[in-house]
């Protein structure tokens, strides 16, 4: 069945712009896998192939930046701030176990949660876990916020219902 709507990756764009602005001259990998690869796979396939084969089973940080002095984990959350706060301590613990980061395993690790709005409820958690919170609000994100706020209005619900009926008439379920 064909897609009826193109998915927009807001957070990927958000993190990309942030990293470009804050770390323009550093080594960056987006959606960087973290953690070990099973020894049995390494023995069977070799390190490079095992890393590739096991990638779907490893957690990914939105961006990993290597500066001259640190490994920086960047997790961007536009709305679900708690998700980012809960992931970053786990990601930090996996850096030393990540075979692709072997050269940098002795670098100190910084963890940054990038969000457009200060998470007042979770601020203590961030301090306790040594997570930096960096506020970043590009102009285009205001449009996204407005879109999300309109989602549950009567007008938007009616528009979605009309669209659903048109698609049903065209044979979509």
C-alpha atoms as a PDB file:
ATOM      1  CA  UNK A   1       0.000   0.000   0.000  1.00  0.00           C
ATOM      2  CA  UNK A   2       1.477   3.401  -0.930  1.00  0.00           C
ATOM      3  CA  UNK A   3       2.199   5.998   1.693  1.00  0.00           C
ATOM      4  CA  UNK A   4      -0.261   8.857   1.927  1.00  0.00           C
ATOM      5  CA  UNK A   5       1.872  11.267   3.880  1.00  0.00           C
ATOM      6  CA  UNK A   6       5.589  11.997   3.971  1.00  0.00           C
ATOM      7  CA  UNK A   7       7.087  11.671   7.433  1.00  0.00           C
ATOM      8  CA  UNK A   8       9.153  14.648   8.537  1.00  0.00           C
ATOM      9  CA  UNK A   9      12.076  13.852  10.831  1.00  0.00           C
ATOM     10  CA  UNK A  10      11.915  16.940  13.053  1.00  0.00           C
ATOM     11  CA  UNK A  11      14.325  15.751  15.735  1.00  0.00           C
ATOM     12  CA  UNK A  12      16.953  14.612  13.216  1.00  0.00           C
ATOM     13  CA  UNK A  13      16.915  18.078  11.664  1.00  0.00           C
ATOM     14  CA  UNK A  14      16.947  19.648  15.119  1.00  0.00           C
ATOM     15  CA  UNK A  15      20.032  17.716  16.277  1.00  0.00           C
ATOM     16  CA  UNK A  16      21.830  18.197  12.948  1.00  0.00           C
ATOM     17  CA  UNK A  17      21.438  21.974  13.098  1.00  0.00           C
ATOM     18  CA  UNK A  18      22.487  22.079  16.744  1.00  0.00           C
ATOM     19  CA  UNK A  19      25.645  20.041  16.137  1.00  0.00           C
ATOM     20  CA  UNK A  20      26.561  22.095  13.074  1.00  0.00           C
ATOM     21  CA  UNK A  21      26.218  25.281  15.126  1.00  0.00           C
ATOM     22  CA  UNK A  22      27.982  24.087  18.298  1.00  0.00           C
ATOM     23  CA  UNK A  23      30.624  21.672  16.925  1.00  0.00           C
ATOM     24  CA  UNK A  24      31.406  22.863  13.378  1.00  0.00           C
ATOM     25  CA  UNK A  25      35.014  21.603  13.297  1.00  0.00           C
ATOM     26  CA  UNK A  26      34.763  18.364  15.256  1.00  0.00           C
ATOM     27  CA  UNK A  27      34.270  14.708  14.299  1.00  0.00           C
ATOM     28  CA  UNK A  28      30.547  13.882  14.293  1.00  0.00           C
ATOM     29  CA  UNK A  29      28.556  10.723  13.792  1.00  0.00           C
ATOM     30  CA  UNK A  30      24.773  10.900  13.764  1.00  0.00           C
ATOM     31  CA  UNK A  31      22.714   7.962  15.051  1.00  0.00           C
ATOM     32  CA  UNK A  32      25.877   6.454  16.484  1.00  0.00           C
ATOM     33  CA  UNK A  33      25.495   2.883  17.785  1.00  0.00           C
ATOM     34  CA  UNK A  34      26.834   2.249  21.265  1.00  0.00           C
ATOM     35  CA  UNK A  35      27.756  -0.811  23.295  1.00  0.00           C
ATOM     36  CA  UNK A  36      29.381  -4.169  22.805  1.00  0.00           C
ATOM     37  CA  UNK A  37      29.167  -6.569  19.932  1.00  0.00           C
ATOM     38  CA  UNK A  38      28.990 -10.241  21.017  1.00  0.00           C
ATOM     39  CA  UNK A  39      32.371 -11.976  20.983  1.00  0.00           C
ATOM     40  CA  UNK A  40      30.840 -14.990  19.245  1.00  0.00           C
ATOM     41  CA  UNK A  41      29.861 -12.775  16.302  1.00  0.00           C
ATOM     42  CA  UNK A  42      33.298 -11.161  16.177  1.00  0.00           C
ATOM     43  CA  UNK A  43      34.962 -14.607  16.098  1.00  0.00           C
ATOM     44  CA  UNK A  44      32.603 -15.838  13.413  1.00  0.00           C
ATOM     45  CA  UNK A  45      32.463 -12.756  11.162  1.00  0.00           C
ATOM     46  CA  UNK A  46      35.399 -10.558  12.105  1.00  0.00           C
ATOM     47  CA  UNK A  47      35.049  -7.218  13.862  1.00  0.00           C
ATOM     48  CA  UNK A  48      33.903  -5.036  10.944  1.00  0.00           C
ATOM     49  CA  UNK A  49      31.206  -7.440   9.711  1.00  0.00           C
ATOM     50  CA  UNK A  50      30.032  -8.212  13.261  1.00  0.00           C
ATOM     51  CA  UNK A  51      29.627  -4.485  13.981  1.00  0.00           C
ATOM     52  CA  UNK A  52      27.467  -4.141  10.874  1.00  0.00           C
ATOM     53  CA  UNK A  53      25.422  -7.265  11.518  1.00  0.00           C
ATOM     54  CA  UNK A  54      24.732  -6.386  15.156  1.00  0.00           C
ATOM     55  CA  UNK A  55      23.893  -2.708  14.573  1.00  0.00           C
ATOM     56  CA  UNK A  56      20.088  -3.133  14.758  1.00  0.00           C
ATOM     57  CA  UNK A  57      20.436  -4.455  18.315  1.00  0.00           C
ATOM     58  CA  UNK A  58      22.543  -1.602  19.701  1.00  0.00           C
ATOM     59  CA  UNK A  59      21.126   1.639  21.077  1.00  0.00           C
ATOM     60  CA  UNK A  60      21.905   4.789  19.107  1.00  0.00           C
ATOM     61  CA  UNK A  61      22.654   8.257  20.435  1.00  0.00           C
ATOM     62  CA  UNK A  62      21.368  11.073  18.221  1.00  0.00           C
ATOM     63  CA  UNK A  63      24.889  12.432  17.727  1.00  0.00           C
ATOM     64  CA  UNK A  64      28.336  11.563  18.999  1.00  0.00           C
ATOM     65  CA  UNK A  65      30.958  14.298  18.758  1.00  0.00           C
ATOM     66  CA  UNK A  66      34.676  13.821  19.301  1.00  0.00           C
ATOM     67  CA  UNK A  67      36.455  17.040  20.244  1.00  0.00           C
ATOM     68  CA  UNK A  68      40.153  17.443  21.054  1.00  0.00           C
ATOM     69  CA  UNK A  69      39.394  16.737  24.712  1.00  0.00           C
ATOM     70  CA  UNK A  70      36.027  14.944  25.055  1.00  0.00           C
ATOM     71  CA  UNK A  71      33.542  12.502  23.649  1.00  0.00           C
ATOM     72  CA  UNK A  72      30.221  14.346  23.604  1.00  0.00           C
ATOM     73  CA  UNK A  73      26.879  12.543  23.528  1.00  0.00           C
ATOM     74  CA  UNK A  74      24.070  14.695  22.155  1.00  0.00           C
ATOM     75  CA  UNK A  75      20.440  13.672  22.543  1.00  0.00           C
ATOM     76  CA  UNK A  76      17.793  16.023  21.172  1.00  0.00           C
ATOM     77  CA  UNK A  77      14.255  16.041  22.501  1.00  0.00           C
ATOM     78  CA  UNK A  78      11.668  18.511  21.291  1.00  0.00           C
ATOM     79  CA  UNK A  79       8.877  17.264  23.554  1.00  0.00           C
ATOM     80  CA  UNK A  80       9.733  14.068  25.465  1.00  0.00           C
ATOM     81  CA  UNK A  81      12.544  15.458  27.601  1.00  0.00           C
ATOM     82  CA  UNK A  82      12.390  12.609  30.120  1.00  0.00           C
ATOM     83  CA  UNK A  83      13.261  10.137  27.350  1.00  0.00           C
ATOM     84  CA  UNK A  84      16.503  11.977  26.669  1.00  0.00           C
ATOM     85  CA  UNK A  85      17.374  12.320  30.344  1.00  0.00           C
ATOM     86  CA  UNK A  86      16.847   8.617  30.925  1.00  0.00           C
ATOM     87  CA  UNK A  87      18.885   7.524  27.893  1.00  0.00           C
ATOM     88  CA  UNK A  88      21.992   9.663  28.381  1.00  0.00           C
ATOM     89  CA  UNK A  89      23.354   7.956  31.558  1.00  0.00           C
ATOM     90  CA  UNK A  90      23.018   4.571  29.838  1.00  0.00           C
ATOM     91  CA  UNK A  91      24.687   5.871  26.682  1.00  0.00           C
ATOM     92  CA  UNK A  92      27.533   7.329  28.728  1.00  0.00           C
ATOM     93  CA  UNK A  93      28.181   3.951  30.349  1.00  0.00           C
ATOM     94  CA  UNK A  94      28.310   2.258  26.934  1.00  0.00           C
ATOM     95  CA  UNK A  95      30.979   4.520  25.416  1.00  0.00           C
ATOM     96  CA  UNK A  96      33.904   2.559  26.908  1.00  0.00           C
ATOM     97  CA  UNK A  97      32.408  -0.715  25.619  1.00  0.00           C
ATOM     98  CA  UNK A  98      31.899   0.520  22.047  1.00  0.00           C
ATOM     99  CA  UNK A  99      34.491  -1.003  19.705  1.00  0.00           C
ATOM    100  CA  UNK A 100      34.275   1.858  17.188  1.00  0.00           C
ATOM    101  CA  UNK A 101      35.256   4.308  19.956  1.00  0.00           C
ATOM    102  CA  UNK A 102      38.288   2.392  21.185  1.00  0.00           C
ATOM    103  CA  UNK A 103      40.632   5.283  20.307  1.00  0.00           C
ATOM    104  CA  UNK A 104      38.628   7.607  22.548  1.00  0.00           C
ATOM    105  CA  UNK A 105      37.809   5.331  25.487  1.00  0.00           C
ATOM    106  CA  UNK A 106      40.029   7.359  27.844  1.00  0.00           C
ATOM    107  CA  UNK A 107      38.475  10.696  26.881  1.00  0.00           C
ATOM    108  CA  UNK A 108      36.075  12.189  29.429  1.00  0.00           C
ATOM    109  CA  UNK A 109      32.467  11.965  28.287  1.00  0.00           C
ATOM    110  CA  UNK A 110      30.026  14.856  28.270  1.00  0.00           C
ATOM    111  CA  UNK A 111      26.288  14.269  27.908  1.00  0.00           C
ATOM    112  CA  UNK A 112      24.133  17.048  26.486  1.00  0.00           C
ATOM    113  CA  UNK A 113      20.346  17.098  26.281  1.00  0.00           C
ATOM    114  CA  UNK A 114      19.247  19.608  23.660  1.00  0.00           C
ATOM    115  CA  UNK A 115      15.713  20.894  24.068  1.00  0.00           C
ATOM    116  CA  UNK A 116      13.814  24.067  23.189  1.00  0.00           C
ATOM    117  CA  UNK A 117      12.244  24.508  26.610  1.00  0.00           C
ATOM    118  CA  UNK A 118      13.767  24.248  30.083  1.00  0.00           C
ATOM    119  CA  UNK A 119      12.563  21.041  31.784  1.00  0.00           C
ATOM    120  CA  UNK A 120      11.882  22.450  35.249  1.00  0.00           C
ATOM    121  CA  UNK A 121      10.609  19.193  36.730  1.00  0.00           C
ATOM    122  CA  UNK A 122      13.683  17.192  35.680  1.00  0.00           C
ATOM    123  CA  UNK A 123      16.412  19.772  36.280  1.00  0.00           C
ATOM    124  CA  UNK A 124      17.586  18.054  39.475  1.00  0.00           C
ATOM    125  CA  UNK A 125      17.951  14.739  37.651  1.00  0.00           C
ATOM    126  CA  UNK A 126      20.139  16.389  35.034  1.00  0.00           C
ATOM    127  CA  UNK A 127      22.403  17.882  37.690  1.00  0.00           C
ATOM    128  CA  UNK A 128      22.573  14.602  39.594  1.00  0.00           C
ATOM    129  CA  UNK A 129      23.503  12.679  36.426  1.00  0.00           C
ATOM    130  CA  UNK A 130      25.959  15.352  35.161  1.00  0.00           C
ATOM    131  CA  UNK A 131      23.840  15.980  32.079  1.00  0.00           C
ATOM    132  CA  UNK A 132      24.141  19.394  30.506  1.00  0.00           C
ATOM    133  CA  UNK A 133      20.903  20.918  29.251  1.00  0.00           C
ATOM    134  CA  UNK A 134      21.320  23.220  26.276  1.00  0.00           C
ATOM    135  CA  UNK A 135      18.325  25.243  25.123  1.00  0.00           C
ATOM    136  CA  UNK A 136      18.068  25.527  21.354  1.00  0.00           C
ATOM    137  CA  UNK A 137      15.069  27.022  19.553  1.00  0.00           C
ATOM    138  CA  UNK A 138      15.556  27.586  15.822  1.00  0.00           C
ATOM    139  CA  UNK A 139      12.868  29.672  14.094  1.00  0.00           C
ATOM    140  CA  UNK A 140      11.447  26.774  12.099  1.00  0.00           C
ATOM    141  CA  UNK A 141      10.661  24.902  15.319  1.00  0.00           C
ATOM    142  CA  UNK A 142       8.063  27.507  16.270  1.00  0.00           C
ATOM    143  CA  UNK A 143       6.023  26.347  13.236  1.00  0.00           C
ATOM    144  CA  UNK A 144       6.233  22.742  14.459  1.00  0.00           C
ATOM    145  CA  UNK A 145       5.049  23.728  17.949  1.00  0.00           C
ATOM    146  CA  UNK A 146       2.092  25.566  16.422  1.00  0.00           C
ATOM    147  CA  UNK A 147       1.272  22.516  14.305  1.00  0.00           C
ATOM    148  CA  UNK A 148       1.281  20.273  17.373  1.00  0.00           C
ATOM    149  CA  UNK A 149      -0.871  22.664  19.380  1.00  0.00           C
ATOM    150  CA  UNK A 150      -3.478  22.706  16.580  1.00  0.00           C
ATOM    151  CA  UNK A 151      -3.675  18.898  16.321  1.00  0.00           C
ATOM    152  CA  UNK A 152      -6.544  18.432  18.795  1.00  0.00           C
ATOM    153  CA  UNK A 153      -8.633  21.452  17.846  1.00  0.00           C
ATOM    154  CA  UNK A 154     -12.140  20.787  16.469  1.00  0.00           C
ATOM    155  CA  UNK A 155     -11.083  22.121  13.065  1.00  0.00           C
ATOM    156  CA  UNK A 156      -8.057  19.815  12.828  1.00  0.00           C
ATOM    157  CA  UNK A 157     -10.058  16.763  13.970  1.00  0.00           C
ATOM    158  CA  UNK A 158     -12.690  17.488  11.301  1.00  0.00           C
ATOM    159  CA  UNK A 159      -9.997  17.901   8.642  1.00  0.00           C
ATOM    160  CA  UNK A 160      -8.447  14.520   9.614  1.00  0.00           C
ATOM    161  CA  UNK A 161     -11.864  12.860   9.520  1.00  0.00           C
ATOM    162  CA  UNK A 162     -12.542  14.279   6.039  1.00  0.00           C
ATOM    163  CA  UNK A 163      -9.143  13.103   4.834  1.00  0.00           C
ATOM    164  CA  UNK A 164      -9.797   9.654   6.259  1.00  0.00           C
ATOM    165  CA  UNK A 165     -13.122   9.437   4.389  1.00  0.00           C
ATOM    166  CA  UNK A 166     -11.483  10.472   1.097  1.00  0.00           C
ATOM    167  CA  UNK A 167      -8.775   7.830   1.565  1.00  0.00           C
ATOM    168  CA  UNK A 168     -11.405   5.211   2.422  1.00  0.00           C
ATOM    169  CA  UNK A 169     -13.247   6.144  -0.809  1.00  0.00           C
ATOM    170  CA  UNK A 170     -10.002   5.595  -2.713  1.00  0.00           C
ATOM    171  CA  UNK A 171      -9.654   2.091  -1.279  1.00  0.00           C
ATOM    172  CA  UNK A 172      -7.276   2.755   1.609  1.00  0.00           C
ATOM    173  CA  UNK A 173      -8.092   1.205   4.959  1.00  0.00           C
END
